Amino acid sequence: MESTRQHKIARLIQKDMSDILLRYARTLHGVLISVSEVRVSPDLSIAHIYLSIFPQAKVTETMTLIEENVHRFRGELGTLERHQLRIIPEIIFHLDDTIDRMERIDELLSK
């Protein structure tokens, strides 16, 4: 169960990372990236960021580019949150496949 502090920091990181990835997605032309969820470890040192990427055809390519630039994103996050957080957490990106699973369930139920 998350503490109140973890929850507040997760919301702050989600908002700021959404802005950072929105600017980054403009350079990719035709890719939409959204931050669906952020989970922060109890010691606030690691942030697991779950991303939804559209279109499906560019998911692997986009995730590769994002993971190559993780240090850049952490630096930008540090610039935005330097007055709120003493230590900027390490960032680990994950692909959120919740929408794909929902579509698959709907497809199975409609048969």
N, C-alpha and C. Protein backbone atom coordinates (compact mmCIF):
# COMPACT_ATOMS: atom_id res chain seq x y z
N MET A 1 0.83 -1.17 0.00
CA MET A 1 0.00 0.00 0.00
C MET A 1 0.88 1.25 0.00
N GLU A 2 0.54 2.19 -0.84
CA GLU A 2 1.34 3.40 -0.96
C GLU A 2 1.05 4.38 0.17
N SER A 3 2.09 5.06 0.61
CA SER A 3 1.90 6.12 1.59
C SER A 3 1.40 7.38 0.88
N THR A 4 0.96 8.32 1.66
CA THR A 4 0.49 9.58 1.10
C THR A 4 1.62 10.29 0.36
N ARG A 5 2.80 10.26 0.93
CA ARG A 5 3.95 10.90 0.30
C ARG A 5 4.28 10.25 -1.04
N GLN A 6 4.28 8.93 -1.09
CA GLN A 6 4.53 8.23 -2.36
C GLN A 6 3.50 8.63 -3.40
N HIS A 7 2.25 8.69 -3.00
CA HIS A 7 1.17 9.03 -3.93
C HIS A 7 1.33 10.46 -4.46
N LYS A 8 1.66 11.40 -3.59
CA LYS A 8 1.85 12.79 -4.03
C LYS A 8 3.02 12.92 -4.99
N ILE A 9 4.12 12.24 -4.68
CA ILE A 9 5.29 12.30 -5.56
C ILE A 9 4.99 11.62 -6.89
N ALA A 10 4.26 10.52 -6.87
CA ALA A 10 3.89 9.83 -8.11
C ALA A 10 3.05 10.75 -9.00
N ARG A 11 2.10 11.47 -8.41
CA ARG A 11 1.28 12.40 -9.21
C ARG A 11 2.12 13.53 -9.78
N LEU A 12 3.05 14.05 -8.99
CA LEU A 12 3.93 15.12 -9.45
C LEU A 12 4.79 14.65 -10.61
N ILE A 13 5.37 13.46 -10.47
CA ILE A 13 6.22 12.91 -11.54
C ILE A 13 5.38 12.63 -12.78
N GLN A 14 4.16 12.12 -12.61
CA GLN A 14 3.30 11.82 -13.75
C GLN A 14 2.99 13.09 -14.54
N LYS A 15 2.67 14.17 -13.85
CA LYS A 15 2.35 15.43 -14.52
C LYS A 15 3.57 15.96 -15.28
N ASP A 16 4.71 16.03 -14.60
CA ASP A 16 5.90 16.58 -15.23
C ASP A 16 6.43 15.68 -16.35
N MET A 17 6.41 14.38 -16.15
CA MET A 17 6.89 13.47 -17.20
C MET A 17 5.96 13.50 -18.41
N SER A 18 4.67 13.71 -18.19
CA SER A 18 3.74 13.84 -19.32
C SER A 18 4.12 15.05 -20.18
N ASP A 19 4.45 16.16 -19.53
CA ASP A 19 4.87 17.35 -20.27
C ASP A 19 6.17 17.11 -21.04
N ILE A 20 7.12 16.44 -20.39
CA ILE A 20 8.41 16.16 -21.03
C ILE A 20 8.22 15.25 -22.24
N LEU A 21 7.43 14.19 -22.09
CA LEU A 21 7.23 13.25 -23.19
C LEU A 21 6.36 13.83 -24.30
N LEU A 22 5.49 14.77 -23.96
CA LEU A 22 4.70 15.45 -24.99
C LEU A 22 5.63 16.24 -25.92
N ARG A 23 6.57 16.96 -25.32
CA ARG A 23 7.55 17.69 -26.14
C ARG A 23 8.41 16.73 -26.96
N TYR A 24 8.80 15.61 -26.37
CA TYR A 24 9.64 14.63 -27.07
C TYR A 24 8.87 13.97 -28.21
N ALA A 25 7.58 13.70 -28.01
CA ALA A 25 6.77 13.03 -29.03
C ALA A 25 6.63 13.90 -30.28
N ARG A 26 6.72 15.20 -30.13
CA ARG A 26 6.63 16.09 -31.30
C ARG A 26 7.77 15.84 -32.28
N THR A 27 8.92 15.39 -31.77
CA THR A 27 10.05 15.12 -32.66
C THR A 27 9.90 13.78 -33.38
N LEU A 28 9.01 12.93 -32.90
CA LEU A 28 8.83 11.60 -33.50
C LEU A 28 7.80 11.57 -34.62
N HIS A 29 7.03 12.62 -34.80
CA HIS A 29 6.05 12.75 -35.88
C HIS A 29 5.10 11.56 -35.98
N GLY A 30 3.90 11.77 -35.50
CA GLY A 30 2.87 10.76 -35.64
C GLY A 30 2.79 9.75 -34.50
N VAL A 31 3.50 10.01 -33.41
CA VAL A 31 3.47 9.11 -32.26
C VAL A 31 2.86 9.85 -31.09
N LEU A 32 1.95 9.18 -30.40
CA LEU A 32 1.31 9.75 -29.22
C LEU A 32 1.77 8.95 -28.01
N ILE A 33 2.34 9.63 -27.02
CA ILE A 33 2.83 8.98 -25.81
C ILE A 33 2.08 9.58 -24.62
N SER A 34 1.52 8.71 -23.78
CA SER A 34 0.87 9.19 -22.57
C SER A 34 1.36 8.39 -21.37
N VAL A 35 1.46 9.06 -20.25
CA VAL A 35 1.88 8.42 -19.00
C VAL A 35 0.62 7.96 -18.30
N SER A 36 0.41 6.66 -18.23
CA SER A 36 -0.82 6.14 -17.65
C SER A 36 -0.73 5.96 -16.14
N GLU A 37 0.47 5.69 -15.64
CA GLU A 37 0.61 5.47 -14.20
C GLU A 37 2.06 5.64 -13.79
N VAL A 38 2.27 6.08 -12.56
CA VAL A 38 3.61 6.16 -11.98
C VAL A 38 3.54 5.52 -10.61
N ARG A 39 4.49 4.63 -10.34
CA ARG A 39 4.61 4.00 -9.02
C ARG A 39 5.99 4.32 -8.47
N VAL A 40 6.02 4.82 -7.25
CA VAL A 40 7.27 5.21 -6.61
C VAL A 40 7.58 4.21 -5.51
N SER A 41 8.85 3.81 -5.41
CA SER A 41 9.26 2.86 -4.37
C SER A 41 9.11 3.51 -2.99
N PRO A 42 9.00 2.69 -1.93
CA PRO A 42 8.82 3.25 -0.58
C PRO A 42 9.94 4.20 -0.13
N ASP A 43 11.17 3.97 -0.60
CA ASP A 43 12.26 4.87 -0.22
C ASP A 43 12.40 6.05 -1.20
N LEU A 44 11.48 6.18 -2.15
CA LEU A 44 11.40 7.28 -3.12
C LEU A 44 12.61 7.36 -4.05
N SER A 45 13.32 6.25 -4.22
CA SER A 45 14.52 6.27 -5.06
C SER A 45 14.28 5.76 -6.47
N ILE A 46 13.17 5.09 -6.71
CA ILE A 46 12.88 4.53 -8.03
C ILE A 46 11.44 4.87 -8.42
N ALA A 47 11.27 5.34 -9.65
CA ALA A 47 9.94 5.62 -10.18
C ALA A 47 9.70 4.72 -11.39
N HIS A 48 8.68 3.89 -11.30
CA HIS A 48 8.28 3.05 -12.42
C HIS A 48 7.20 3.81 -13.18
N ILE A 49 7.50 4.13 -14.43
CA ILE A 49 6.59 4.95 -15.24
C ILE A 49 6.02 4.07 -16.35
N TYR A 50 4.68 3.99 -16.39
CA TYR A 50 3.98 3.15 -17.37
C TYR A 50 3.48 4.05 -18.50
N LEU A 51 3.85 3.68 -19.73
CA LEU A 51 3.54 4.48 -20.92
C LEU A 51 2.56 3.76 -21.84
N SER A 52 1.65 4.52 -22.41
CA SER A 52 0.81 4.04 -23.50
C SER A 52 1.29 4.74 -24.76
N ILE A 53 1.52 3.97 -25.81
CA ILE A 53 2.05 4.52 -27.06
C ILE A 53 1.12 4.15 -28.19
N PHE A 54 0.81 5.15 -29.01
CA PHE A 54 -0.05 4.95 -30.18
C PHE A 54 0.65 5.55 -31.37
N PRO A 55 0.70 4.94 -32.51
CA PRO A 55 0.09 3.70 -32.98
C PRO A 55 0.90 2.47 -32.55
N GLN A 56 0.24 1.35 -32.56
CA GLN A 56 0.84 0.08 -32.15
C GLN A 56 2.06 -0.28 -32.99
N ALA A 57 2.06 0.12 -34.25
CA ALA A 57 3.15 -0.25 -35.16
C ALA A 57 4.49 0.34 -34.73
N LYS A 58 4.48 1.44 -33.96
CA LYS A 58 5.72 2.11 -33.59
C LYS A 58 6.08 1.93 -32.11
N VAL A 59 5.46 0.97 -31.45
CA VAL A 59 5.68 0.80 -30.01
C VAL A 59 7.12 0.40 -29.70
N THR A 60 7.64 -0.63 -30.35
CA THR A 60 8.99 -1.11 -30.02
C THR A 60 10.05 -0.07 -30.37
N GLU A 61 9.89 0.59 -31.50
CA GLU A 61 10.84 1.62 -31.91
C GLU A 61 10.82 2.79 -30.92
N THR A 62 9.63 3.21 -30.52
CA THR A 62 9.50 4.34 -29.60
C THR A 62 10.04 3.99 -28.22
N MET A 63 9.74 2.79 -27.72
CA MET A 63 10.25 2.39 -26.41
C MET A 63 11.78 2.31 -26.41
N THR A 64 12.36 1.86 -27.52
CA THR A 64 13.82 1.82 -27.63
C THR A 64 14.40 3.22 -27.54
N LEU A 65 13.80 4.17 -28.26
CA LEU A 65 14.27 5.55 -28.23
C LEU A 65 14.12 6.16 -26.84
N ILE A 66 13.03 5.87 -26.18
CA ILE A 66 12.80 6.42 -24.84
C ILE A 66 13.82 5.85 -23.86
N GLU A 67 14.07 4.55 -23.93
CA GLU A 67 15.03 3.94 -23.01
C GLU A 67 16.46 4.41 -23.26
N GLU A 68 16.77 4.76 -24.51
CA GLU A 68 18.09 5.31 -24.82
C GLU A 68 18.27 6.71 -24.24
N ASN A 69 17.17 7.44 -24.07
CA ASN A 69 17.22 8.82 -23.59
C ASN A 69 16.76 8.96 -22.14
N VAL A 70 16.80 7.89 -21.37
CA VAL A 70 16.30 7.92 -19.99
C VAL A 70 17.07 8.93 -19.14
N HIS A 71 18.35 9.09 -19.35
CA HIS A 71 19.14 10.05 -18.57
C HIS A 71 18.73 11.49 -18.90
N ARG A 72 18.42 11.74 -20.14
CA ARG A 72 17.95 13.07 -20.54
C ARG A 72 16.62 13.39 -19.87
N PHE A 73 15.71 12.41 -19.85
CA PHE A 73 14.41 12.62 -19.22
C PHE A 73 14.55 12.84 -17.72
N ARG A 74 15.44 12.09 -17.08
CA ARG A 74 15.66 12.26 -15.64
C ARG A 74 16.24 13.65 -15.36
N GLY A 75 17.12 14.11 -16.22
CA GLY A 75 17.68 15.46 -16.07
C GLY A 75 16.63 16.53 -16.19
N GLU A 76 15.74 16.40 -17.18
CA GLU A 76 14.66 17.38 -17.34
C GLU A 76 13.70 17.33 -16.16
N LEU A 77 13.44 16.12 -15.66
CA LEU A 77 12.58 15.96 -14.49
C LEU A 77 13.23 16.63 -13.27
N GLY A 78 14.53 16.48 -13.14
CA GLY A 78 15.26 17.12 -12.05
C GLY A 78 15.19 18.63 -12.12
N THR A 79 15.24 19.17 -13.33
CA THR A 79 15.12 20.61 -13.50
C THR A 79 13.75 21.11 -13.07
N LEU A 80 12.71 20.36 -13.41
CA LEU A 80 11.35 20.78 -13.06
C LEU A 80 11.03 20.60 -11.58
N GLU A 81 11.61 19.59 -10.95
CA GLU A 81 11.23 19.24 -9.58
C GLU A 81 12.33 19.52 -8.56
N ARG A 82 13.29 20.34 -8.91
CA ARG A 82 14.43 20.55 -8.01
C ARG A 82 14.03 21.20 -6.69
N HIS A 83 12.92 21.92 -6.66
CA HIS A 83 12.50 22.56 -5.42
C HIS A 83 11.54 21.70 -4.61
N GLN A 84 10.98 20.65 -5.21
CA GLN A 84 10.04 19.79 -4.50
C GLN A 84 10.71 18.54 -3.94
N LEU A 85 11.72 18.02 -4.63
CA LEU A 85 12.35 16.76 -4.22
C LEU A 85 13.83 16.97 -3.94
N ARG A 86 14.31 16.32 -2.89
CA ARG A 86 15.73 16.41 -2.59
C ARG A 86 16.52 15.50 -3.53
N ILE A 87 16.01 14.29 -3.77
CA ILE A 87 16.66 13.34 -4.66
C ILE A 87 15.70 12.99 -5.78
N ILE A 88 16.15 13.12 -7.01
CA ILE A 88 15.33 12.76 -8.17
C ILE A 88 15.43 11.24 -8.35
N PRO A 89 14.30 10.54 -8.36
CA PRO A 89 14.36 9.07 -8.44
C PRO A 89 14.89 8.57 -9.79
N GLU A 90 15.48 7.38 -9.75
CA GLU A 90 15.84 6.69 -10.99
C GLU A 90 14.54 6.37 -11.72
N ILE A 91 14.58 6.41 -13.04
CA ILE A 91 13.37 6.20 -13.84
C ILE A 91 13.47 4.87 -14.57
N ILE A 92 12.41 4.09 -14.46
CA ILE A 92 12.30 2.85 -15.22
C ILE A 92 10.99 2.91 -16.00
N PHE A 93 11.10 2.84 -17.31
CA PHE A 93 9.92 2.90 -18.17
C PHE A 93 9.38 1.50 -18.44
N HIS A 94 8.06 1.39 -18.43
CA HIS A 94 7.37 0.14 -18.76
C HIS A 94 6.28 0.45 -19.77
N LEU A 95 6.00 -0.50 -20.62
CA LEU A 95 4.91 -0.36 -21.58
C LEU A 95 3.62 -0.79 -20.90
N ASP A 96 2.62 0.08 -20.92
CA ASP A 96 1.32 -0.23 -20.33
C ASP A 96 0.45 -0.85 -21.41
N ASP A 97 0.13 -2.12 -21.26
CA ASP A 97 -0.66 -2.82 -22.26
C ASP A 97 -2.10 -3.05 -21.79
N THR A 98 -2.57 -2.24 -20.88
CA THR A 98 -3.93 -2.36 -20.36
C THR A 98 -4.97 -2.20 -21.46
N ILE A 99 -4.78 -1.24 -22.33
CA ILE A 99 -5.74 -0.99 -23.41
C ILE A 99 -5.80 -2.19 -24.36
N ASP A 100 -4.64 -2.78 -24.66
CA ASP A 100 -4.60 -3.95 -25.53
C ASP A 100 -5.35 -5.12 -24.90
N ARG A 101 -5.14 -5.30 -23.59
CA ARG A 101 -5.85 -6.39 -22.90
C ARG A 101 -7.36 -6.15 -22.88
N MET A 102 -7.78 -4.90 -22.69
CA MET A 102 -9.21 -4.58 -22.70
C MET A 102 -9.83 -4.85 -24.07
N GLU A 103 -9.12 -4.46 -25.12
CA GLU A 103 -9.61 -4.72 -26.48
C GLU A 103 -9.72 -6.22 -26.74
N ARG A 104 -8.75 -6.98 -26.28
CA ARG A 104 -8.77 -8.44 -26.46
C ARG A 104 -9.94 -9.07 -25.71
N ILE A 105 -10.20 -8.61 -24.50
CA ILE A 105 -11.34 -9.12 -23.73
C ILE A 105 -12.65 -8.77 -24.41
N ASP A 106 -12.78 -7.54 -24.88
CA ASP A 106 -14.00 -7.15 -25.61
C ASP A 106 -14.20 -7.99 -26.86
N GLU A 107 -13.09 -8.26 -27.56
CA GLU A 107 -13.15 -9.07 -28.77
C GLU A 107 -13.62 -10.49 -28.44
N LEU A 108 -13.10 -11.05 -27.36
CA LEU A 108 -13.50 -12.40 -26.96
C LEU A 108 -14.96 -12.46 -26.49
N LEU A 109 -15.38 -11.42 -25.79
CA LEU A 109 -16.76 -11.40 -25.29
C LEU A 109 -17.79 -11.17 -26.40
N SER A 110 -17.38 -10.50 -27.47
CA SER A 110 -18.32 -10.20 -28.55
C SER A 110 -18.56 -11.41 -29.47
N LYS A 111 -17.76 -12.44 -29.34
CA LYS A 111 -17.91 -13.63 -30.19
C LYS A 111 -19.03 -14.50 -29.74
